[in-house]
Amino acid sequence: MIAYVFPGQGAQYVGMGKEMHDHYHTARELFQKANSILGFRITDVMFEGTEEDL
């Protein structure tokens, strides 16, 4: 089993997770599932948003 764990509050940065998204099909599927569950594209916020948005 593989788990991806991100640090806690305040450790986010624009672009976080993009390399995994771009290089791993399974990660890309999980990000797309998160977009669907949330009802908005969290990947847009993560990959291209502002630090304030994060």
PDB file of N, CA and C in Angstrom:
ATOM      1  N   MET A   1       0.844  -1.177   0.000  1.00  0.00           N
ATOM      2  CA  MET A   1       0.000   0.000   0.000  1.00  0.00           C
ATOM      3  C   MET A   1       0.885   1.235   0.000  1.00  0.00           C
ATOM      4  N   ILE A   2       0.514   2.210  -0.786  1.00  0.00           N
ATOM      5  CA  ILE A   2       1.249   3.473  -0.857  1.00  0.00           C
ATOM      6  C   ILE A   2       0.312   4.579  -0.417  1.00  0.00           C
ATOM      7  N   ALA A   3       0.807   5.469   0.408  1.00  0.00           N
ATOM      8  CA  ALA A   3       0.022   6.626   0.847  1.00  0.00           C
ATOM      9  C   ALA A   3       0.812   7.884   0.553  1.00  0.00           C
ATOM     10  N   TYR A   4       0.114   8.908   0.108  1.00  0.00           N
ATOM     11  CA  TYR A   4       0.725  10.208  -0.105  1.00  0.00           C
ATOM     12  C   TYR A   4       0.241  11.115   1.007  1.00  0.00           C
ATOM     13  N   VAL A   5       1.164  11.640   1.773  1.00  0.00           N
ATOM     14  CA  VAL A   5       0.822  12.459   2.921  1.00  0.00           C
ATOM     15  C   VAL A   5       1.464  13.827   2.729  1.00  0.00           C
ATOM     16  N   PHE A   6       0.662  14.850   2.899  1.00  0.00           N
ATOM     17  CA  PHE A   6       1.161  16.207   2.775  1.00  0.00           C
ATOM     18  C   PHE A   6       1.259  16.835   4.159  1.00  0.00           C
ATOM     19  N   PRO A   7       2.260  17.683   4.384  1.00  0.00           N
ATOM     20  CA  PRO A   7       2.443  18.321   5.681  1.00  0.00           C
ATOM     21  C   PRO A   7       1.223  19.145   6.088  1.00  0.00           C
ATOM     22  N   GLY A   8       1.223  19.561   7.310  1.00  0.00           N
ATOM     23  CA  GLY A   8       0.090  20.280   7.880  1.00  0.00           C
ATOM     24  C   GLY A   8      -0.062  21.713   7.423  1.00  0.00           C
ATOM     25  N   GLN A   9      -0.928  22.404   8.094  1.00  0.00           N
ATOM     26  CA  GLN A   9      -1.302  23.778   7.782  1.00  0.00           C
ATOM     27  C   GLN A   9      -0.076  24.676   7.623  1.00  0.00           C
ATOM     28  N   GLY A  10      -0.096  25.480   6.584  1.00  0.00           N
ATOM     29  CA  GLY A  10       0.973  26.452   6.366  1.00  0.00           C
ATOM     30  C   GLY A  10       2.138  25.935   5.541  1.00  0.00           C
ATOM     31  N   ALA A  11       2.143  24.656   5.214  1.00  0.00           N
ATOM     32  CA  ALA A  11       3.254  24.092   4.458  1.00  0.00           C
ATOM     33  C   ALA A  11       2.945  23.995   2.961  1.00  0.00           C
ATOM     34  N   GLN A  12       1.766  24.459   2.553  1.00  0.00           N
ATOM     35  CA  GLN A  12       1.380  24.371   1.148  1.00  0.00           C
ATOM     36  C   GLN A  12       2.141  25.393   0.316  1.00  0.00           C
ATOM     37  N   TYR A  13       2.321  25.052  -0.951  1.00  0.00           N
ATOM     38  CA  TYR A  13       2.925  26.003  -1.881  1.00  0.00           C
ATOM     39  C   TYR A  13       2.318  25.771  -3.262  1.00  0.00           C
ATOM     40  N   VAL A  14       2.266  26.823  -4.052  1.00  0.00           N
ATOM     41  CA  VAL A  14       1.712  26.730  -5.406  1.00  0.00           C
ATOM     42  C   VAL A  14       2.540  25.721  -6.200  1.00  0.00           C
ATOM     43  N   GLY A  15       1.865  24.789  -6.843  1.00  0.00           N
ATOM     44  CA  GLY A  15       2.536  23.761  -7.629  1.00  0.00           C
ATOM     45  C   GLY A  15       2.710  22.448  -6.888  1.00  0.00           C
ATOM     46  N   MET A  16       2.354  22.434  -5.602  1.00  0.00           N
ATOM     47  CA  MET A  16       2.512  21.228  -4.799  1.00  0.00           C
ATOM     48  C   MET A  16       1.704  20.086  -5.402  1.00  0.00           C
ATOM     49  N   GLY A  17       2.332  18.954  -5.644  1.00  0.00           N
ATOM     50  CA  GLY A  17       1.678  17.782  -6.187  1.00  0.00           C
ATOM     51  C   GLY A  17       1.663  17.713  -7.701  1.00  0.00           C
ATOM     52  N   LYS A  18       2.051  18.803  -8.382  1.00  0.00           N
ATOM     53  CA  LYS A  18       1.984  18.833  -9.851  1.00  0.00           C
ATOM     54  C   LYS A  18       2.910  17.807 -10.486  1.00  0.00           C
ATOM     55  N   GLU A  19       4.075  17.618  -9.931  1.00  0.00           N
ATOM     56  CA  GLU A  19       5.007  16.642 -10.504  1.00  0.00           C
ATOM     57  C   GLU A  19       4.418  15.231 -10.440  1.00  0.00           C
ATOM     58  N   MET A  20       3.802  14.894  -9.302  1.00  0.00           N
ATOM     59  CA  MET A  20       3.150  13.586  -9.195  1.00  0.00           C
ATOM     60  C   MET A  20       2.015  13.481 -10.204  1.00  0.00           C
ATOM     61  N   HIS A  21       1.211  14.532 -10.308  1.00  0.00           N
ATOM     62  CA  HIS A  21       0.085  14.563 -11.248  1.00  0.00           C
ATOM     63  C   HIS A  21       0.569  14.337 -12.675  1.00  0.00           C
ATOM     64  N   ASP A  22       1.648  14.990 -13.038  1.00  0.00           N
ATOM     65  CA  ASP A  22       2.144  14.935 -14.412  1.00  0.00           C
ATOM     66  C   ASP A  22       2.840  13.620 -14.748  1.00  0.00           C
ATOM     67  N   HIS A  23       3.401  12.941 -13.757  1.00  0.00           N
ATOM     68  CA  HIS A  23       4.219  11.760 -14.031  1.00  0.00           C
ATOM     69  C   HIS A  23       3.580  10.424 -13.669  1.00  0.00           C
ATOM     70  N   TYR A  24       2.520  10.428 -12.882  1.00  0.00           N
ATOM     71  CA  TYR A  24       1.937   9.171 -12.418  1.00  0.00           C
ATOM     72  C   TYR A  24       0.439   9.130 -12.699  1.00  0.00           C
ATOM     73  N   HIS A  25       0.047   8.164 -13.511  1.00  0.00           N
ATOM     74  CA  HIS A  25      -1.351   8.024 -13.909  1.00  0.00           C
ATOM     75  C   HIS A  25      -2.268   7.864 -12.693  1.00  0.00           C
ATOM     76  N   THR A  26      -1.862   7.058 -11.733  1.00  0.00           N
ATOM     77  CA  THR A  26      -2.690   6.834 -10.546  1.00  0.00           C
ATOM     78  C   THR A  26      -2.882   8.122  -9.761  1.00  0.00           C
ATOM     79  N   ALA A  27      -1.838   8.908  -9.621  1.00  0.00           N
ATOM     80  CA  ALA A  27      -1.950  10.186  -8.914  1.00  0.00           C
ATOM     81  C   ALA A  27      -2.899  11.113  -9.669  1.00  0.00           C
ATOM     82  N   ARG A  28      -2.776  11.130 -10.984  1.00  0.00           N
ATOM     83  CA  ARG A  28      -3.646  11.981 -11.812  1.00  0.00           C
ATOM     84  C   ARG A  28      -5.116  11.588 -11.610  1.00  0.00           C
ATOM     85  N   GLU A  29      -5.390  10.291 -11.573  1.00  0.00           N
ATOM     86  CA  GLU A  29      -6.756   9.818 -11.333  1.00  0.00           C
ATOM     87  C   GLU A  29      -7.269  10.274  -9.971  1.00  0.00           C
ATOM     88  N   LEU A  30      -6.420  10.211  -8.951  1.00  0.00           N
ATOM     89  CA  LEU A  30      -6.839  10.632  -7.611  1.00  0.00           C
ATOM     90  C   LEU A  30      -7.112  12.127  -7.547  1.00  0.00           C
ATOM     91  N   PHE A  31      -6.285  12.921  -8.213  1.00  0.00           N
ATOM     92  CA  PHE A  31      -6.530  14.360  -8.255  1.00  0.00           C
ATOM     93  C   PHE A  31      -7.852  14.645  -8.970  1.00  0.00           C
ATOM     94  N   GLN A  32      -8.133  13.930 -10.059  1.00  0.00           N
ATOM     95  CA  GLN A  32      -9.385  14.128 -10.783  1.00  0.00           C
ATOM     96  C   GLN A  32     -10.580  13.721  -9.918  1.00  0.00           C
ATOM     97  N   LYS A  33     -10.411  12.659  -9.153  1.00  0.00           N
ATOM     98  CA  LYS A  33     -11.476  12.226  -8.248  1.00  0.00           C
ATOM     99  C   LYS A  33     -11.724  13.294  -7.182  1.00  0.00           C
ATOM    100  N   ALA A  34     -10.654  13.892  -6.661  1.00  0.00           N
ATOM    101  CA  ALA A  34     -10.803  14.971  -5.677  1.00  0.00           C
ATOM    102  C   ALA A  34     -11.549  16.149  -6.287  1.00  0.00           C
ATOM    103  N   ASN A  35     -11.223  16.508  -7.529  1.00  0.00           N
ATOM    104  CA  ASN A  35     -11.944  17.583  -8.220  1.00  0.00           C
ATOM    105  C   ASN A  35     -13.436  17.285  -8.255  1.00  0.00           C
ATOM    106  N   SER A  36     -13.768  16.057  -8.600  1.00  0.00           N
ATOM    107  CA  SER A  36     -15.166  15.646  -8.724  1.00  0.00           C
ATOM    108  C   SER A  36     -15.882  15.677  -7.372  1.00  0.00           C
ATOM    109  N   ILE A  37     -15.252  15.137  -6.361  1.00  0.00           N
ATOM    110  CA  ILE A  37     -15.861  15.083  -5.029  1.00  0.00           C
ATOM    111  C   ILE A  37     -16.089  16.479  -4.478  1.00  0.00           C
ATOM    112  N   LEU A  38     -15.109  17.351  -4.653  1.00  0.00           N
ATOM    113  CA  LEU A  38     -15.200  18.704  -4.109  1.00  0.00           C
ATOM    114  C   LEU A  38     -16.162  19.594  -4.886  1.00  0.00           C
ATOM    115  N   GLY A  39     -16.395  19.273  -6.149  1.00  0.00           N
ATOM    116  CA  GLY A  39     -17.283  20.087  -6.972  1.00  0.00           C
ATOM    117  C   GLY A  39     -16.597  21.302  -7.577  1.00  0.00           C
ATOM    118  N   PHE A  40     -15.302  21.366  -7.446  1.00  0.00           N
ATOM    119  CA  PHE A  40     -14.510  22.399  -8.115  1.00  0.00           C
ATOM    120  C   PHE A  40     -13.119  21.822  -8.362  1.00  0.00           C
ATOM    121  N   ARG A  41     -12.353  22.486  -9.201  1.00  0.00           N
ATOM    122  CA  ARG A  41     -11.040  21.954  -9.580  1.00  0.00           C
ATOM    123  C   ARG A  41      -9.970  22.395  -8.578  1.00  0.00           C
ATOM    124  N   ILE A  42      -9.812  21.591  -7.553  1.00  0.00           N
ATOM    125  CA  ILE A  42      -8.773  21.865  -6.556  1.00  0.00           C
ATOM    126  C   ILE A  42      -7.391  21.874  -7.215  1.00  0.00           C
ATOM    127  N   THR A  43      -7.245  21.122  -8.297  1.00  0.00           N
ATOM    128  CA  THR A  43      -5.959  21.108  -8.989  1.00  0.00           C
ATOM    129  C   THR A  43      -5.620  22.478  -9.569  1.00  0.00           C
ATOM    130  N   ASP A  44      -6.619  23.234 -10.021  1.00  0.00           N
ATOM    131  CA  ASP A  44      -6.348  24.589 -10.514  1.00  0.00           C
ATOM    132  C   ASP A  44      -5.804  25.461  -9.390  1.00  0.00           C
ATOM    133  N   VAL A  45      -6.384  25.337  -8.216  1.00  0.00           N
ATOM    134  CA  VAL A  45      -5.926  26.109  -7.056  1.00  0.00           C
ATOM    135  C   VAL A  45      -4.520  25.667  -6.666  1.00  0.00           C
ATOM    136  N   MET A  46      -4.306  24.360  -6.620  1.00  0.00           N
ATOM    137  CA  MET A  46      -3.008  23.831  -6.200  1.00  0.00           C
ATOM    138  C   MET A  46      -1.888  24.166  -7.168  1.00  0.00           C
ATOM    139  N   PHE A  47      -2.165  24.016  -8.457  1.00  0.00           N
ATOM    140  CA  PHE A  47      -1.104  24.130  -9.449  1.00  0.00           C
ATOM    141  C   PHE A  47      -0.908  25.544  -9.981  1.00  0.00           C
ATOM    142  N   GLU A  48      -1.975  26.363  -9.981  1.00  0.00           N
ATOM    143  CA  GLU A  48      -1.887  27.679 -10.620  1.00  0.00           C
ATOM    144  C   GLU A  48      -2.466  28.805  -9.774  1.00  0.00           C
ATOM    145  N   GLY A  49      -2.947  28.489  -8.596  1.00  0.00           N
ATOM    146  CA  GLY A  49      -3.566  29.503  -7.738  1.00  0.00           C
ATOM    147  C   GLY A  49      -2.522  30.382  -7.065  1.00  0.00           C
ATOM    148  N   THR A  50      -3.008  31.179  -6.167  1.00  0.00           N
ATOM    149  CA  THR A  50      -2.115  32.048  -5.402  1.00  0.00           C
ATOM    150  C   THR A  50      -1.846  31.426  -4.032  1.00  0.00           C
ATOM    151  N   GLU A  51      -0.829  31.879  -3.370  1.00  0.00           N
ATOM    152  CA  GLU A  51      -0.558  31.390  -2.015  1.00  0.00           C
ATOM    153  C   GLU A  51      -1.732  31.683  -1.097  1.00  0.00           C
ATOM    154  N   GLU A  52      -2.382  32.808  -1.314  1.00  0.00           N
ATOM    155  CA  GLU A  52      -3.536  33.165  -0.501  1.00  0.00           C
ATOM    156  C   GLU A  52      -4.686  32.186  -0.714  1.00  0.00           C
ATOM    157  N   ASP A  53      -4.905  31.764  -1.947  1.00  0.00           N
ATOM    158  CA  ASP A  53      -5.955  30.775  -2.242  1.00  0.00           C
ATOM    159  C   ASP A  53      -5.709  29.456  -1.530  1.00  0.00           C
ATOM    160  N   LEU A  54      -4.451  29.084  -1.434  1.00  0.00           N
ATOM    161  CA  LEU A  54      -4.130  27.819  -0.770  1.00  0.00           C
ATOM    162  C   LEU A  54      -4.444  27.900   0.696  1.00  0.00           C
TER     163      LEU A  54
END
